[in-house]
Structure formats: C-alpha cells, structure tokens
C-alpha cells in the first residue's frame, strides 16, 4: 500500500527524539480492515468490539499487542515505511508503528514498535 497517511512527530510534544519527524505510511485501522474478515474494503467494527489482539512481530523479537477495541476509528495510528520522506533504515526498518495518543513515550510503554516485519490478528 502507498504511504499516504502522515504522522507529525515533531508536533507530538516531548517524545523520544527519534520520533521527531514526519512519518508516512498507512493507518493500522485500514491495514487490519484488509484482513479482519472476508471483505478487504472495510474494517469490521462489530468484530473489533467483540475483541481480538493485534500483535506486532519485530526484528528484535519484541511482540507488543494491543486490543482491537483501541483502534476503532483511530486514523492517527500508522504503520510507517517512510521517515522525513525517505524509506526507513536501520532498527526502524522495514516498518514502524507510530501515532497519536497514547503513543507518546516510545520505548517506555508497550504501544511502540520498530522493525515491524509482520502484524498478526489473534482471535
């Protein structure tokens, strides 16, 4: 998918300096909607309200999870592939999960993920 959604980390307040950039990617909401049921054109809100886990698998072995209920309607949580207009490199590549509240303290909570290689839905 094209990197069409931006998250402006430089406007996010006092956060980890590695996130003070414009990240571009796709919303987690849209990506999950592609695979959460038989209709890739919609996000299944009913299924998300019933509850399942969204797990990120990262290159360093980190496997954070978040509940599906948290992303309903969240268009600021993105899986980024670009930072400051360039493809992610190093520990951040190939994808990085960034976004709006409560993801403001990367590496200090379980809602940050870098080096994301796979996203798994656990029903």
Protein backbone atom coordinates (compact mmCIF):
# COMPACT_ATOMS: atom_id res chain seq x y z
CA UNK A 1 0.00 0.00 0.00
CA UNK A 2 1.21 3.52 -0.69
CA UNK A 3 2.46 5.65 2.18
CA UNK A 4 -0.46 8.05 2.13
CA UNK A 5 -1.00 8.94 5.80
CA UNK A 6 1.34 11.17 7.77
CA UNK A 7 2.03 11.41 11.48
CA UNK A 8 3.86 14.56 12.58
CA UNK A 9 6.12 13.52 15.43
CA UNK A 10 7.63 16.97 15.64
CA UNK A 11 4.21 18.23 16.82
CA UNK A 12 3.65 15.42 19.33
CA UNK A 13 5.24 17.16 22.29
CA UNK A 14 8.04 15.89 24.49
CA UNK A 15 8.70 12.49 22.91
CA UNK A 16 11.70 10.35 22.11
CA UNK A 17 13.94 12.36 19.71
CA UNK A 18 13.96 9.50 17.19
CA UNK A 19 10.25 10.20 16.58
CA UNK A 20 10.51 13.95 15.99
CA UNK A 21 9.99 13.55 12.25
CA UNK A 22 7.16 13.25 9.78
CA UNK A 23 6.41 9.55 9.34
CA UNK A 24 4.33 8.34 6.41
CA UNK A 25 2.60 5.03 5.95
CA UNK A 26 -0.86 3.55 6.22
CA UNK A 27 -3.30 3.57 9.13
CA UNK A 28 -3.34 0.46 11.26
CA UNK A 29 -7.14 0.71 11.01
CA UNK A 30 -7.00 0.33 7.21
CA UNK A 31 -4.38 -2.43 7.24
CA UNK A 32 -6.35 -4.51 9.76
CA UNK A 33 -9.51 -3.89 7.71
CA UNK A 34 -7.88 -5.61 4.75
CA UNK A 35 -7.65 -8.92 6.63
CA UNK A 36 -10.08 -8.89 9.58
CA UNK A 37 -12.86 -10.63 7.64
CA UNK A 38 -13.83 -11.62 4.09
CA UNK A 39 -14.29 -8.02 2.91
CA UNK A 40 -10.94 -6.24 2.42
CA UNK A 41 -12.69 -2.92 1.67
CA UNK A 42 -14.00 -2.40 5.23
CA UNK A 43 -12.92 -2.55 8.86
CA UNK A 44 -15.20 -4.93 10.77
CA UNK A 45 -16.21 -2.76 13.74
CA UNK A 46 -18.52 -5.44 15.19
CA UNK A 47 -15.72 -7.99 15.27
CA UNK A 48 -13.32 -5.43 16.76
CA UNK A 49 -15.83 -4.59 19.52
CA UNK A 50 -16.10 -8.30 20.38
CA UNK A 51 -12.36 -8.21 20.83
CA UNK A 52 -9.18 -9.73 19.44
CA UNK A 53 -5.49 -8.88 19.77
CA UNK A 54 -3.32 -7.12 17.22
CA UNK A 55 0.28 -8.25 17.60
CA UNK A 56 3.35 -6.71 16.01
CA UNK A 57 6.27 -9.01 15.29
CA UNK A 58 9.55 -7.10 15.26
CA UNK A 59 13.03 -7.99 14.04
CA UNK A 60 14.48 -7.79 17.54
CA UNK A 61 11.99 -10.31 18.95
CA UNK A 62 9.68 -7.70 20.51
CA UNK A 63 5.99 -8.74 20.19
CA UNK A 64 3.74 -6.00 21.57
CA UNK A 65 -0.04 -6.48 21.48
CA UNK A 66 -2.96 -4.14 21.64
CA UNK A 67 -6.69 -4.85 21.78
CA UNK A 68 -8.77 -4.37 18.65
CA UNK A 69 -11.17 -2.08 20.55
CA UNK A 70 -8.40 0.51 20.86
CA UNK A 71 -8.06 1.12 17.11
CA UNK A 72 -11.73 1.56 16.22
CA UNK A 73 -11.82 4.85 14.35
CA UNK A 74 -8.16 5.68 15.07
CA UNK A 75 -6.78 7.22 11.91
CA UNK A 76 -3.63 8.65 13.53
CA UNK A 77 -2.03 5.32 14.45
CA UNK A 78 0.04 4.37 11.44
CA UNK A 79 2.41 1.70 10.26
CA UNK A 80 5.07 3.86 8.65
CA UNK A 81 7.52 2.98 5.94
CA UNK A 82 8.95 6.49 5.46
CA UNK A 83 10.59 8.96 7.80
CA UNK A 84 11.33 12.51 6.65
CA UNK A 85 10.46 11.46 3.08
CA UNK A 86 12.88 8.52 2.94
CA UNK A 87 12.36 4.80 3.44
CA UNK A 88 13.04 3.65 6.98
CA UNK A 89 16.51 2.28 7.64
CA UNK A 90 18.40 0.60 10.47
CA UNK A 91 16.48 -0.53 13.54
CA UNK A 92 13.28 1.17 12.37
CA UNK A 93 13.04 -0.72 9.06
CA UNK A 94 11.10 -2.16 7.41
CA UNK A 95 8.12 -0.61 9.25
CA UNK A 96 7.50 1.37 12.42
CA UNK A 97 4.25 1.69 14.36
CA UNK A 98 3.77 5.33 15.39
CA UNK A 99 0.89 7.63 16.07
CA UNK A 100 -1.44 9.51 18.30
CA UNK A 101 -2.23 9.07 21.96
CA UNK A 102 -1.23 7.21 23.97
CA UNK A 103 1.83 6.54 21.82
CA UNK A 104 3.90 9.46 23.07
CA UNK A 105 6.63 7.72 25.04
CA UNK A 106 8.25 5.25 22.64
CA UNK A 107 10.32 2.51 24.25
CA UNK A 108 8.76 3.42 27.62
CA UNK A 109 5.47 1.66 27.00
CA UNK A 110 4.16 -1.30 25.07
CA UNK A 111 2.48 0.71 22.30
CA UNK A 112 5.58 1.43 20.28
CA UNK A 113 7.11 -0.89 17.73
CA UNK A 114 10.05 -0.51 15.37
CA UNK A 115 11.47 -3.03 12.94
CA UNK A 116 7.97 -4.42 12.38
CA UNK A 117 8.05 -7.34 9.95
CA UNK A 118 4.56 -8.76 10.48
CA UNK A 119 1.23 -7.89 12.04
CA UNK A 120 -0.87 -10.77 13.37
CA UNK A 121 -4.53 -10.79 14.41
CA UNK A 122 -5.19 -13.18 17.30
CA UNK A 123 -8.86 -14.16 17.60
